[in-house]
C-alpha atoms as a PDB file:
ATOM      1  CA  MET A   1      16.733  62.544  -3.989  1.00  0.00           C
ATOM      2  CA  VAL A   2      17.828  59.957  -6.603  1.00  0.00           C
ATOM      3  CA  LEU A   3      18.379  57.335  -3.924  1.00  0.00           C
ATOM      4  CA  THR A   4      14.920  57.933  -2.447  1.00  0.00           C
ATOM      5  CA  THR A   5      13.327  57.632  -5.883  1.00  0.00           C
ATOM      6  CA  ALA A   6      15.264  54.411  -6.564  1.00  0.00           C
ATOM      7  CA  VAL A   7      14.095  52.906  -3.249  1.00  0.00           C
ATOM      8  CA  ILE A   8      10.463  53.852  -3.978  1.00  0.00           C
ATOM      9  CA  VAL A   9      10.625  52.390  -7.506  1.00  0.00           C
ATOM     10  CA  LEU A  10      12.258  49.218  -6.163  1.00  0.00           C
ATOM     11  CA  ALA A  11       9.597  48.889  -3.432  1.00  0.00           C
ATOM     12  CA  VAL A  12       6.817  49.287  -6.007  1.00  0.00           C
ATOM     13  CA  LEU A  13       8.436  46.624  -8.232  1.00  0.00           C
ATOM     14  CA  VAL A  14       8.776  44.224  -5.303  1.00  0.00           C
ATOM     15  CA  LEU A  15       5.100  44.734  -4.384  1.00  0.00           C
ATOM     16  CA  LEU A  16       4.053  44.142  -7.999  1.00  0.00           C
ATOM     17  CA  ASP A  17       6.159  40.988  -8.091  1.00  0.00           C
ATOM     18  CA  LEU A  18       4.551  39.807  -4.858  1.00  0.00           C
ATOM     19  CA  LEU A  19       1.041  40.479  -6.203  1.00  0.00           C
ATOM     20  CA  LEU A  20       1.830  38.640  -9.434  1.00  0.00           C
ATOM     21  CA  SER A  21       3.260  35.691  -7.506  1.00  0.00           C
ATOM     22  CA  VAL A  22       0.130  35.470  -5.349  1.00  0.00           C
ATOM     23  CA  ALA A  23      -2.058  35.624  -8.460  1.00  0.00           C
ATOM     24  CA  ILE A  24      -0.049  32.862 -10.152  1.00  0.00           C
ATOM     25  CA  VAL A  25      -0.198  30.608  -7.080  1.00  0.00           C
ATOM     26  CA  ARG A  26      -3.956  31.161  -6.816  1.00  0.00           C
ATOM     27  CA  ARG A  27      -4.378  30.340 -10.514  1.00  0.00           C
ATOM     28  CA  LEU A  28      -2.285  27.161 -10.160  1.00  0.00           C
ATOM     29  CA  ARG A  29      -4.386  26.018  -7.202  1.00  0.00           C
ATOM     30  CA  ASP A  30      -7.590  26.611  -9.169  1.00  0.00           C
ATOM     31  CA  HIS A  31      -6.151  24.690 -12.099  1.00  0.00           C
ATOM     32  CA  GLU A  32      -5.100  21.820  -9.808  1.00  0.00           C
ATOM     33  CA  ALA A  33      -8.626  21.656  -8.332  1.00  0.00           C
ATOM     34  CA  GLN A  34     -10.129  21.520 -11.833  1.00  0.00           C
ATOM     35  CA  LEU A  35      -7.767  18.690 -12.802  1.00  0.00           C
ATOM     36  CA  ALA A  36      -8.657  16.758  -9.656  1.00  0.00           C
ATOM     37  CA  ASP A  37     -12.325  16.914 -10.684  1.00  0.00           C
ATOM     38  CA  VAL A  38     -11.573  15.658 -14.204  1.00  0.00           C
ATOM     39  CA  LEU A  39      -8.867  13.050 -13.607  1.00  0.00           C
ATOM     40  CA  PRO A  40      -9.436   9.924 -11.534  1.00  0.00           C
ATOM     41  CA  ALA A  41      -7.460   9.608  -8.326  1.00  0.00           C
ATOM     42  CA  THR A  42      -4.487   7.341  -8.787  1.00  0.00           C
ATOM     43  CA  GLU A  43      -3.566   4.942  -6.082  1.00  0.00           C
ATOM     44  CA  PRO A  44      -0.861   2.349  -6.426  1.00  0.00           C
ATOM     45  CA  GLY A  45      -1.747  -1.289  -6.755  1.00  0.00           C
ATOM     46  CA  LEU A  46      -5.124  -2.911  -7.124  1.00  0.00           C
ATOM     47  CA  ARG A  47      -8.154  -0.738  -6.523  1.00  0.00           C
ATOM     48  CA  THR A  48     -10.776  -1.641  -3.982  1.00  0.00           C
ATOM     49  CA  GLY A  49     -13.630  -3.447  -5.726  1.00  0.00           C
ATOM     50  CA  THR A  50     -11.452  -5.166  -8.329  1.00  0.00           C
ATOM     51  CA  PRO A  51     -11.462  -8.939  -8.689  1.00  0.00           C
ATOM     52  CA  MET A  52      -8.587 -11.061  -7.486  1.00  0.00           C
ATOM     53  CA  PRO A  53      -6.188 -11.757 -10.347  1.00  0.00           C
ATOM     54  CA  ASP A  54      -5.621 -15.314 -11.498  1.00  0.00           C
ATOM     55  CA  PHE A  55      -2.414 -16.700  -9.988  1.00  0.00           C
ATOM     56  CA  THR A  56      -0.429 -19.741  -9.003  1.00  0.00           C
ATOM     57  CA  SER A  57       2.582 -19.626  -6.705  1.00  0.00           C
ATOM     58  CA  ALA A  58       5.920 -20.853  -8.046  1.00  0.00           C
ATOM     59  CA  ASP A  59       5.609 -24.132  -6.136  1.00  0.00           C
ATOM     60  CA  GLY A  60       1.942 -24.558  -7.167  1.00  0.00           C
ATOM     61  CA  SER A  61       0.678 -24.778  -3.574  1.00  0.00           C
ATOM     62  CA  PHE A  62      -1.190 -21.466  -3.610  1.00  0.00           C
ATOM     63  CA  THR A  63      -3.751 -20.640  -6.308  1.00  0.00           C
ATOM     64  CA  ARG A  64      -6.724 -18.372  -6.867  1.00  0.00           C
ATOM     65  CA  ALA A  65      -9.054 -21.362  -7.040  1.00  0.00           C
ATOM     66  CA  GLY A  66      -7.717 -22.568  -3.695  1.00  0.00           C
ATOM     67  CA  VAL A  67      -8.746 -19.400  -1.830  1.00  0.00           C
ATOM     68  CA  LEU A  68     -12.073 -18.579  -3.462  1.00  0.00           C
ATOM     69  CA  GLY A  69     -15.128 -19.265  -1.344  1.00  0.00           C
ATOM     70  CA  THR A  70     -13.752 -17.810   1.867  1.00  0.00           C
ATOM     71  CA  PRO A  71     -12.460 -14.340   2.734  1.00  0.00           C
ATOM     72  CA  VAL A  72      -8.675 -14.165   2.610  1.00  0.00           C
ATOM     73  CA  LEU A  73      -6.163 -11.690   3.976  1.00  0.00           C
ATOM     74  CA  LEU A  74      -2.952 -11.664   1.949  1.00  0.00           C
ATOM     75  CA  GLY A  75       0.094 -10.240   3.668  1.00  0.00           C
ATOM     76  CA  PHE A  76       3.197  -9.432   1.630  1.00  0.00           C
ATOM     77  CA  PHE A  77       6.535  -9.389   3.437  1.00  0.00           C
ATOM     78  CA  SER A  78      10.213  -9.487   2.493  1.00  0.00           C
ATOM     79  CA  THR A  79      13.269 -10.520   4.446  1.00  0.00           C
ATOM     80  CA  GLY A  80      15.032  -7.205   3.826  1.00  0.00           C
ATOM     81  CA  CYS A  81      12.131  -5.051   5.004  1.00  0.00           C
ATOM     82  CA  ARG A  82      12.677  -3.098   8.212  1.00  0.00           C
ATOM     83  CA  PHE A  83       8.945  -2.618   8.926  1.00  0.00           C
ATOM     84  CA  CYS A  84       7.946  -6.232   8.246  1.00  0.00           C
ATOM     85  CA  PRO A  85       8.909  -7.774  11.618  1.00  0.00           C
ATOM     86  CA  ALA A  86       6.603  -5.422  13.532  1.00  0.00           C
ATOM     87  CA  GLN A  87       3.690  -6.073  11.156  1.00  0.00           C
ATOM     88  CA  ALA A  88       4.346  -9.830  11.262  1.00  0.00           C
ATOM     89  CA  GLU A  89       4.105  -9.677  15.064  1.00  0.00           C
ATOM     90  CA  GLN A  90       0.902  -7.634  14.811  1.00  0.00           C
ATOM     91  CA  LEU A  91      -0.564 -10.172  12.384  1.00  0.00           C
ATOM     92  CA  ALA A  92       0.337 -13.049  14.718  1.00  0.00           C
ATOM     93  CA  HIS A  93      -1.192 -11.138  17.641  1.00  0.00           C
ATOM     94  CA  ARG A  94      -4.463 -10.591  15.742  1.00  0.00           C
ATOM     95  CA  ALA A  95      -4.608 -14.125  14.262  1.00  0.00           C
ATOM     96  CA  THR A  96      -7.246 -15.392  16.702  1.00  0.00           C
ATOM     97  CA  GLY A  97      -9.613 -12.494  16.016  1.00  0.00           C
ATOM     98  CA  ILE A  98      -9.098 -12.830  12.272  1.00  0.00           C
ATOM     99  CA  ALA A  99      -9.761 -16.582  12.367  1.00  0.00           C
ATOM    100  CA  ALA A 100     -12.908 -15.964  14.457  1.00  0.00           C
ATOM    101  CA  ARG A 101     -14.286 -14.017  11.462  1.00  0.00           C
ATOM    102  CA  SER A 102     -13.540 -17.006   9.166  1.00  0.00           C
ATOM    103  CA  ILE A 103     -10.870 -15.070   7.317  1.00  0.00           C
ATOM    104  CA  ARG A 104      -8.009 -17.166   6.003  1.00  0.00           C
ATOM    105  CA  VAL A 105      -4.546 -15.590   6.341  1.00  0.00           C
ATOM    106  CA  VAL A 106      -1.853 -16.221   3.733  1.00  0.00           C
ATOM    107  CA  SER A 107       1.522 -14.531   4.053  1.00  0.00           C
ATOM    108  CA  VAL A 108       3.705 -14.190   0.968  1.00  0.00           C
ATOM    109  CA  LEU A 109       7.347 -13.888   1.997  1.00  0.00           C
ATOM    110  CA  THR A 110       9.827 -12.739  -0.611  1.00  0.00           C
ATOM    111  CA  VAL A 111      13.391 -13.767   0.132  1.00  0.00           C
ATOM    112  CA  THR A 112      15.460 -11.143  -1.648  1.00  0.00           C
ATOM    113  CA  ASP A 113      18.897 -12.101  -0.391  1.00  0.00           C
ATOM    114  CA  GLU A 114      19.876 -15.553   0.835  1.00  0.00           C
ATOM    115  CA  ALA A 115      22.438 -13.944   3.170  1.00  0.00           C
ATOM    116  CA  VAL A 116      19.698 -12.151   5.139  1.00  0.00           C
ATOM    117  CA  PRO A 117      18.351 -14.425   7.900  1.00  0.00           C
ATOM    118  CA  ASP A 118      14.701 -15.407   7.664  1.00  0.00           C
ATOM    119  CA  ASP A 119      13.301 -14.419  11.058  1.00  0.00           C
ATOM    120  CA  LEU A 120       9.813 -13.827   9.661  1.00  0.00           C
ATOM    121  CA  THR A 121       8.658 -17.361   8.762  1.00  0.00           C
ATOM    122  CA  PRO A 122       8.279 -18.602  12.380  1.00  0.00           C
ATOM    123  CA  VAL A 123       6.254 -15.509  13.280  1.00  0.00           C
ATOM    124  CA  LEU A 124       4.107 -15.609  10.123  1.00  0.00           C
ATOM    125  CA  GLU A 125       3.332 -19.310  10.600  1.00  0.00           C
ATOM    126  CA  LYS A 126       1.485 -18.384  13.823  1.00  0.00           C
ATOM    127  CA  SER A 127      -1.152 -16.573  11.753  1.00  0.00           C
ATOM    128  CA  GLY A 128      -1.660 -18.974   8.839  1.00  0.00           C
ATOM    129  CA  THR A 129      -0.122 -20.255   5.639  1.00  0.00           C
ATOM    130  CA  VAL A 130       3.255 -18.940   4.472  1.00  0.00           C
ATOM    131  CA  VAL A 131       4.210 -18.972   0.797  1.00  0.00           C
ATOM    132  CA  THR A 132       7.896 -18.273   0.166  1.00  0.00           C
ATOM    133  CA  GLU A 133       9.182 -16.787  -3.078  1.00  0.00           C
ATOM    134  CA  HIS A 134      12.789 -16.190  -4.023  1.00  0.00           C
ATOM    135  CA  GLY A 135      13.637 -12.878  -5.644  1.00  0.00           C
ATOM    136  CA  PRO A 136      11.292 -10.073  -6.641  1.00  0.00           C
ATOM    137  CA  GLY A 137       8.345 -10.687  -8.920  1.00  0.00           C
ATOM    138  CA  GLY A 138       5.896 -13.562  -8.884  1.00  0.00           C
ATOM    139  CA  LEU A 139       2.939 -12.935  -6.618  1.00  0.00           C
ATOM    140  CA  MET A 140       4.036  -9.397  -5.745  1.00  0.00           C
ATOM    141  CA  ALA A 141       3.860  -8.466  -9.428  1.00  0.00           C
ATOM    142  CA  THR A 142       0.564 -10.295  -9.920  1.00  0.00           C
ATOM    143  CA  PHE A 143      -1.048  -8.337  -7.079  1.00  0.00           C
ATOM    144  CA  SER A 144       0.686  -5.040  -8.046  1.00  0.00           C
ATOM    145  CA  ILE A 145       2.498  -4.775  -4.719  1.00  0.00           C
ATOM    146  CA  SER A 146       5.096  -2.007  -4.805  1.00  0.00           C
ATOM    147  CA  GLY A 147       6.405  -2.267  -1.240  1.00  0.00           C
ATOM    148  CA  THR A 148       6.334  -4.389   1.862  1.00  0.00           C
ATOM    149  CA  PRO A 149       4.619  -4.855   4.162  1.00  0.00           C
ATOM    150  CA  SER A 150       1.335  -4.723   2.264  1.00  0.00           C
ATOM    151  CA  PHE A 151      -2.016  -6.313   3.029  1.00  0.00           C
ATOM    152  CA  LEU A 152      -4.973  -7.127   0.764  1.00  0.00           C
ATOM    153  CA  LEU A 153      -8.349  -8.365   2.046  1.00  0.00           C
ATOM    154  CA  PHE A 154     -10.561 -10.216  -0.431  1.00  0.00           C
ATOM    155  CA  ASP A 155     -14.109 -11.393   0.204  1.00  0.00           C
ATOM    156  CA  GLY A 156     -15.233 -14.952  -0.555  1.00  0.00           C
ATOM    157  CA  GLU A 157     -16.034 -14.097  -4.162  1.00  0.00           C
ATOM    158  CA  GLY A 158     -12.520 -12.734  -4.717  1.00  0.00           C
ATOM    159  CA  THR A 159     -13.289  -9.002  -4.664  1.00  0.00           C
ATOM    160  CA  LEU A 160     -10.774  -6.677  -3.012  1.00  0.00           C
ATOM    161  CA  ILE A 161     -12.522  -5.074  -0.028  1.00  0.00           C
ATOM    162  CA  GLY A 162      -9.595  -3.588   1.893  1.00  0.00           C
ATOM    163  CA  LYS A 163      -5.898  -2.839   1.606  1.00  0.00           C
ATOM    164  CA  GLY A 164      -3.077  -1.098   3.397  1.00  0.00           C
ATOM    165  CA  HIS A 165       0.486  -1.167   4.640  1.00  0.00           C
ATOM    166  CA  THR A 166      -0.445  -2.216   8.167  1.00  0.00           C
ATOM    167  CA  VAL A 167      -2.535  -5.212   9.160  1.00  0.00           C
ATOM    168  CA  ASP A 168      -5.086  -2.890  10.778  1.00  0.00           C
ATOM    169  CA  GLU A 169      -5.881  -0.871   7.629  1.00  0.00           C
ATOM    170  CA  PRO A 170      -7.711  -3.528   5.577  1.00  0.00           C
ATOM    171  CA  LEU A 171      -9.364  -5.018   8.659  1.00  0.00           C
ATOM    172  CA  GLU A 172     -10.584  -1.846  10.381  1.00  0.00           C
ATOM    173  CA  ARG A 173     -14.137  -2.125   8.998  1.00  0.00           C
ATOM    174  CA  TRP A 174     -14.363  -5.906   9.399  1.00  0.00           C
ATOM    175  CA  ILE A 175     -12.695  -6.634  12.726  1.00  0.00           C
ATOM    176  CA  PRO A 176     -12.939  -3.997  15.477  1.00  0.00           C
END
């Protein structure tokens, strides 16, 4: 009799705990939805619609003034990146279609370790200009790039109109 009563009491407590847990989860989801309505969505890097920051590459060959007036696709790569070779090949493959739309391609290659061979430059040169930087920082910091590969598409006035981690993402609306 005592054991049966203990099992029934325990079962009731477990059911109450389950109901309370469901109520708390539901309340947290409601609260999260309310926060999403109030707070702006955060996305890393530059937001679409923002102007191109003012910049000059370390060697002075690549500047904001030098790319304004024509749409430009900036590709950010690094020698230690395992996904960069595939995206560099994709960029080289799409270079003709990109050029047909009068979009200039500039690849920024960050050499993070001199011991790592640079297999990317010959591939990236097939699609346009290559700007090489040594060590992290520089243009990646200026454009708020947190990882490679990354692509930014700016219109002729210097407004960001597309971005992504594959070459197809920023171009999907502009080049079918």
